[in-house]
Amino acid sequence: MFISPRHLSFAVPSKPLEEWETELLVELFQARTDGWHLEVADRCINGWQNEQGEQCIHSRHLDGRPTHHVPDSGWAVLQIVLNYFETIAFFKSGGTIKKSYELFTWGVFNVFPEHEGKHPNIAKHLYSDLRNGLYHGGINKGKTVLRHTIDSKPIEAEETTGIVVIDPHRFIPRLRQHLNDYCVELLNQDNHEARHKFRTAFFAKYR
């Protein structure tokens, strides 16, 4: 049985989870979080190439233009990745944050610190309009706009209108880079506090 895209249950240590090396826990965590969620979303919205350098997706936009990603997948991929904020907050905090909204907010500003303290509050917006809105009622209120241009940012907030503009093509790679940076930090054996919090959260979640 696969316990991640790269790990089989019979190939991991049979000893208790608490005795596993931190490096293996990090490897498993990254494989699950990226390989089963973020990478899947990234491939939908940005496409990918096989080992021969050939595009794996061949499709067309609604206006007929060819594309190498899944057309109109922006809202769908956001649904795939929005749980990342709560996940990363849980692990980075050592499992000490319990409430969903607090986890989500902490995670958003850990990924996008440049937006903390600004209006509108993107964490509150993402939680109400997307994290809850998309999952429970679909697109609503018209306060979230998807846009992809040459110089668009992963996420921007317009102070005067309260509209939040997201570029899914860049938003998802930003999450993947954030995850990778965190895992690199965890693999540094000098980062005792971060590794301790990670192990505590891992055991709380999977034991």
Protein backbone atom coordinates (compact mmCIF):
# COMPACT_ATOMS: atom_id res chain seq x y z
CA MET A 1 0.00 0.00 0.00
CA PHE A 2 1.25 3.47 -0.88
CA ILE A 3 1.51 5.79 2.11
CA SER A 4 2.78 8.58 -0.16
CA PRO A 5 3.47 8.82 -3.90
CA ARG A 6 7.00 7.58 -3.18
CA HIS A 7 6.64 5.34 -0.12
CA LEU A 8 5.21 1.85 0.29
CA SER A 9 4.05 0.61 3.68
CA PHE A 10 6.26 -2.49 3.58
CA ALA A 11 9.38 -0.46 2.74
CA VAL A 12 9.37 1.81 5.81
CA PRO A 13 10.73 0.84 9.24
CA SER A 14 8.60 -1.57 11.25
CA LYS A 15 9.67 0.03 14.54
CA PRO A 16 7.40 2.51 16.41
CA LEU A 17 6.87 5.87 14.72
CA GLU A 18 8.65 7.70 17.54
CA GLU A 19 11.85 5.85 16.66
CA TRP A 20 11.88 6.93 13.02
CA GLU A 21 14.62 9.33 11.97
CA THR A 22 13.48 12.94 11.50
CA GLU A 23 14.82 12.85 7.94
CA LEU A 24 12.45 10.05 6.99
CA LEU A 25 9.50 11.82 8.62
CA VAL A 26 10.30 14.97 6.66
CA GLU A 27 10.64 13.01 3.44
CA LEU A 28 7.27 11.35 4.01
CA PHE A 29 5.60 14.64 4.98
CA GLN A 30 6.86 16.43 1.88
CA ALA A 31 5.93 13.54 -0.41
CA ARG A 32 2.39 13.47 0.93
CA THR A 33 1.82 17.22 1.04
CA ASP A 34 3.40 17.99 -2.31
CA GLY A 35 2.86 14.79 -4.27
CA TRP A 36 -0.79 14.24 -3.36
CA HIS A 37 -1.89 17.90 -3.30
CA LEU A 38 0.37 20.75 -4.39
CA GLU A 39 2.10 19.01 -7.31
CA VAL A 40 -1.21 17.70 -8.62
CA ALA A 41 -2.67 21.21 -8.57
CA ASP A 42 0.49 22.65 -10.15
CA ARG A 43 0.31 20.14 -12.99
CA CYS A 44 -3.32 21.00 -13.65
CA ILE A 45 -2.75 24.75 -13.79
CA ASN A 46 0.77 24.85 -15.26
CA GLY A 47 1.16 21.51 -17.02
CA TRP A 48 4.33 19.42 -16.93
CA GLN A 49 6.79 17.63 -19.18
CA ASN A 50 7.79 13.99 -19.24
CA GLU A 51 11.37 12.74 -19.05
CA GLN A 52 11.79 13.33 -22.79
CA GLY A 53 10.78 16.99 -22.43
CA GLU A 54 7.40 16.46 -24.08
CA GLN A 55 4.31 18.26 -22.82
CA CYS A 56 1.94 15.90 -21.02
CA ILE A 57 -1.23 17.96 -21.51
CA HIS A 58 -2.57 18.96 -24.93
CA SER A 59 -5.80 20.92 -24.78
CA ARG A 60 -7.44 24.16 -25.90
CA HIS A 61 -8.84 27.25 -24.22
CA LEU A 62 -12.50 28.10 -24.77
CA ASP A 63 -11.47 30.48 -27.55
CA GLY A 64 -9.60 27.68 -29.35
CA ARG A 65 -6.03 28.60 -28.44
CA PRO A 66 -3.84 25.56 -27.66
CA THR A 67 -2.69 25.11 -24.09
CA HIS A 68 -0.57 22.67 -22.14
CA HIS A 69 -2.54 22.90 -18.91
CA VAL A 70 -6.12 22.04 -17.94
CA PRO A 71 -8.26 24.95 -19.20
CA ASP A 72 -10.31 26.88 -16.62
CA SER A 73 -8.85 24.90 -13.74
CA GLY A 74 -8.14 27.93 -11.54
CA TRP A 75 -10.99 27.53 -9.07
CA ALA A 76 -10.56 23.77 -8.91
CA VAL A 77 -6.86 23.90 -8.09
CA LEU A 78 -7.48 26.43 -5.35
CA GLN A 79 -9.81 23.93 -3.73
CA ILE A 80 -7.03 21.35 -3.87
CA VAL A 81 -4.42 23.52 -2.14
CA LEU A 82 -6.27 25.68 0.39
CA ASN A 83 -5.80 23.11 3.16
CA TYR A 84 -2.04 23.78 2.94
CA PHE A 85 -2.30 26.81 5.21
CA GLU A 86 -3.79 24.85 8.10
CA THR A 87 -1.42 21.95 7.50
CA ILE A 88 1.74 24.05 7.54
CA ALA A 89 0.59 26.03 10.57
CA PHE A 90 -0.11 22.83 12.49
CA PHE A 91 3.36 21.43 11.83
CA LYS A 92 5.30 24.65 12.29
CA SER A 93 3.56 25.39 15.58
CA GLY A 94 4.13 21.90 16.91
CA GLY A 95 0.41 21.21 16.95
CA THR A 96 -0.27 23.89 19.55
CA ILE A 97 -2.80 25.85 17.46
CA LYS A 98 -6.12 24.05 17.57
CA LYS A 99 -8.81 26.25 16.01
CA SER A 100 -9.24 26.05 12.26
CA TYR A 101 -9.42 29.80 11.62
CA GLU A 102 -6.33 30.49 13.73
CA LEU A 103 -4.41 27.76 11.92
CA PHE A 104 -5.49 29.08 8.54
CA THR A 105 -4.60 32.70 9.35
CA TRP A 106 -1.22 31.75 10.82
CA GLY A 107 -0.46 29.68 7.73
CA VAL A 108 -1.48 32.36 5.23
CA PHE A 109 0.80 34.98 6.76
CA ASN A 110 3.63 32.50 7.11
CA VAL A 111 3.47 31.90 3.36
CA PHE A 112 2.70 35.55 2.46
CA PRO A 113 4.28 37.67 5.24
CA GLU A 114 4.30 40.72 2.97
CA HIS A 115 0.51 40.96 3.34
CA GLU A 116 0.29 40.80 7.13
CA GLY A 117 -1.29 43.88 8.70
CA LYS A 118 -2.63 45.17 5.38
CA HIS A 119 -6.21 45.85 4.28
CA PRO A 120 -8.09 43.88 3.22
CA ASN A 121 -7.02 41.00 5.42
CA ILE A 122 -6.19 38.32 2.84
CA ALA A 123 -6.28 35.52 5.41
CA LYS A 124 -9.81 36.43 6.50
CA HIS A 125 -10.81 36.82 2.86
CA LEU A 126 -9.36 33.48 1.76
CA TYR A 127 -10.98 31.74 4.71
CA SER A 128 -14.47 33.11 4.16
CA ASP A 129 -14.64 33.35 0.38
CA LEU A 130 -12.51 30.38 -0.65
CA ARG A 131 -11.74 27.99 2.18
CA ASN A 132 -15.41 28.02 3.26
CA GLY A 133 -17.07 29.56 0.23
CA LEU A 134 -15.71 27.22 -2.44
CA TYR A 135 -16.13 24.09 -0.35
CA HIS A 136 -19.64 24.77 0.88
CA GLY A 137 -21.38 27.09 -1.54
CA GLY A 138 -19.30 27.71 -4.62
CA ILE A 139 -18.08 31.07 -5.91
CA ASN A 140 -19.82 34.00 -4.25
CA LYS A 141 -19.86 37.78 -3.68
CA GLY A 142 -17.51 38.54 -6.59
CA LYS A 143 -14.77 39.68 -4.20
CA THR A 144 -12.22 37.17 -5.48
CA VAL A 145 -10.87 37.48 -9.01
CA LEU A 146 -8.54 35.13 -10.87
CA ARG A 147 -6.11 36.80 -13.25
CA HIS A 148 -2.98 35.69 -15.08
CA THR A 149 -0.77 38.28 -16.78
CA ILE A 150 2.94 38.68 -17.51
CA ASP A 151 3.59 40.53 -14.24
CA SER A 152 0.76 39.35 -11.99
CA LYS A 153 1.63 38.36 -8.41
CA PRO A 154 0.51 35.19 -6.64
CA ILE A 155 -2.03 37.22 -4.64
CA GLU A 156 -2.84 40.91 -4.43
CA ALA A 157 -5.40 42.87 -2.41
CA GLU A 158 -7.03 46.08 -3.64
CA GLU A 159 -7.50 48.32 -0.62
CA THR A 160 -10.19 50.56 -2.07
CA THR A 161 -12.48 47.84 -3.41
CA GLY A 162 -11.64 44.99 -1.03
CA ILE A 163 -11.15 42.70 -4.03
CA VAL A 164 -8.47 40.01 -3.81
CA VAL A 165 -6.81 39.02 -7.08
CA ILE A 166 -5.16 35.60 -7.33
CA ASP A 167 -2.98 34.20 -10.09
CA PRO A 168 -3.27 30.41 -9.60
CA HIS A 169 -0.37 29.87 -12.03
CA ARG A 170 1.93 31.63 -9.53
CA PHE A 171 0.01 31.07 -6.28
CA ILE A 172 0.56 27.31 -6.28
CA PRO A 173 4.31 27.40 -7.10
CA ARG A 174 4.65 29.84 -4.18
CA LEU A 175 3.12 27.23 -1.86
CA ARG A 176 5.40 24.51 -3.23
CA GLN A 177 8.46 26.69 -2.71
CA HIS A 178 7.34 27.47 0.84
CA LEU A 179 6.97 23.76 1.59
CA ASN A 180 10.37 22.98 0.10
CA ASP A 181 12.04 25.76 2.11
CA TYR A 182 10.45 24.42 5.30
CA CYS A 183 11.64 20.89 4.61
CA VAL A 184 15.16 22.11 3.89
CA GLU A 185 15.07 23.90 7.24
CA LEU A 186 13.96 20.70 8.96
CA LEU A 187 16.78 18.69 7.41
CA ASN A 188 19.31 21.01 9.04
CA GLN A 189 20.13 19.21 12.29
CA ASP A 190 21.04 22.51 13.95
CA ASN A 191 17.41 23.67 13.81
CA HIS A 192 16.51 21.89 17.03
CA GLU A 193 13.33 23.83 17.84
CA ALA A 194 11.81 23.52 14.36
CA ARG A 195 12.59 19.80 14.24
CA HIS A 196 11.15 19.22 17.71
CA LYS A 197 7.91 21.03 16.81
CA PHE A 198 7.68 19.09 13.57
CA ARG A 199 8.11 15.72 15.27
CA THR A 200 5.56 16.63 17.95
CA ALA A 201 3.03 17.63 15.30
CA PHE A 202 3.77 14.55 13.17
CA PHE A 203 3.15 12.17 16.05
CA ALA A 204 -0.01 14.04 17.07
CA LYS A 205 -1.38 13.77 13.54
CA TYR A 206 -0.35 10.27 12.47
CA ARG A 207 0.22 8.19 15.58
